[in-house]
Amino acid sequence: MKHELMLKELESVAKQQNIQVTYESISEKVGLGGLCRVRGEYRIIIDKQSAVADRIAMLAQALSTLDIQTNTVSEPVSQMIRYYSS
């Protein structure tokens, strides 16, 4: 599966879970971003300068920490999420 398609599918999974995904400028000292809660709602913040592969990894890792049903996504995306949950 192409990286761009995988990224779009991961973003869609987050949206289905009511998790906002934003791409922002983040200081190198802070890292590439991650999952956080803002006013009680989950949000995934990713450095907008990061490569597509890093964005995919960040989204999959963040989603793996939540109770996400992966039976509605493609097998490559499901495998990626499961990879980070173990």
Protein backbone atom coordinates (compact mmCIF):
# COMPACT_ATOMS: atom_id res chain seq x y z
CA MET A 1 0.00 0.00 0.00
CA LYS A 2 1.32 3.45 -0.86
CA HIS A 3 2.33 5.65 2.03
CA GLU A 4 -0.05 8.45 1.08
CA LEU A 5 -3.04 6.06 1.06
CA MET A 6 -2.02 4.56 4.39
CA LEU A 7 -1.72 8.04 5.90
CA LYS A 8 -5.19 9.02 4.63
CA GLU A 9 -6.69 5.82 6.03
CA LEU A 10 -5.08 6.36 9.44
CA GLU A 11 -6.38 9.94 9.47
CA SER A 12 -9.83 8.56 8.63
CA VAL A 13 -9.65 6.06 11.50
CA ALA A 14 -8.80 8.89 13.87
CA LYS A 15 -11.68 10.99 12.55
CA GLN A 16 -14.11 8.08 13.00
CA GLN A 17 -13.00 7.95 16.64
CA ASN A 18 -13.57 11.72 17.01
CA ILE A 19 -9.84 12.32 17.34
CA GLN A 20 -8.62 15.50 15.71
CA VAL A 21 -5.33 15.20 13.79
CA THR A 22 -3.37 18.41 13.29
CA TYR A 23 -0.04 19.16 11.67
CA GLU A 24 1.84 21.96 13.39
CA SER A 25 5.34 23.37 13.74
CA ILE A 26 6.93 21.63 16.68
CA SER A 27 10.32 22.39 18.17
CA GLU A 28 12.95 19.68 17.71
CA LYS A 29 13.34 19.66 21.48
CA VAL A 30 9.72 18.51 21.86
CA GLY A 31 9.85 15.69 19.29
CA LEU A 32 7.61 14.71 16.39
CA GLY A 33 4.32 15.04 18.26
CA GLY A 34 1.88 12.50 19.64
CA LEU A 35 -1.42 11.82 21.32
CA CYS A 36 -2.72 14.21 23.96
CA ARG A 37 -5.96 15.33 25.55
CA VAL A 38 -7.14 18.88 25.10
CA ARG A 39 -10.18 19.89 27.17
CA GLY A 40 -11.10 16.22 27.61
CA GLU A 41 -10.86 15.28 23.94
CA TYR A 42 -8.13 13.26 22.31
CA ARG A 43 -5.96 14.95 19.73
CA ILE A 44 -2.96 13.82 17.70
CA ILE A 45 -0.46 16.55 16.95
CA ILE A 46 2.22 15.83 14.35
CA ASP A 47 5.14 17.96 13.24
CA LYS A 48 4.24 19.34 9.83
CA GLN A 49 7.89 19.03 8.76
CA SER A 50 7.93 15.25 9.35
CA ALA A 51 8.16 12.76 6.50
CA VAL A 52 5.10 10.76 5.44
CA ALA A 53 6.58 7.58 6.95
CA ASP A 54 7.03 9.36 10.30
CA ARG A 55 3.47 10.65 10.16
CA ILE A 56 2.20 7.11 9.54
CA ALA A 57 4.22 5.78 12.47
CA MET A 58 3.03 8.57 14.77
CA LEU A 59 -0.64 8.03 13.89
CA ALA A 60 -0.44 4.23 14.16
CA GLN A 61 1.37 4.45 17.48
CA ALA A 62 -1.15 6.92 18.90
CA LEU A 63 -4.13 4.88 17.71
CA SER A 64 -2.62 1.69 19.11
CA THR A 65 -2.89 3.08 22.64
CA LEU A 66 -6.67 3.43 22.31
CA ASP A 67 -9.41 0.83 22.01
CA ILE A 68 -9.75 1.02 18.22
CA GLN A 69 -11.67 -1.56 16.19
CA THR A 70 -9.30 -2.49 13.35
CA ASN A 71 -11.69 -4.85 11.57
CA THR A 72 -13.05 -1.97 9.48
CA VAL A 73 -9.69 -0.90 8.02
CA SER A 74 -7.43 -2.40 5.39
CA GLU A 75 -5.09 -5.19 6.42
CA PRO A 76 -1.88 -3.10 6.06
CA VAL A 77 -3.29 -0.37 8.34
CA SER A 78 -4.60 -2.93 10.81
CA GLN A 79 -1.18 -4.60 10.91
CA MET A 80 0.52 -1.25 11.47
CA ILE A 81 -1.74 -0.41 14.43
CA ARG A 82 -1.30 -3.91 15.91
CA TYR A 83 2.48 -3.65 15.48
CA TYR A 84 2.62 -0.63 17.79
CA SER A 85 0.21 -2.13 20.32
CA SER A 86 2.55 -5.00 21.13
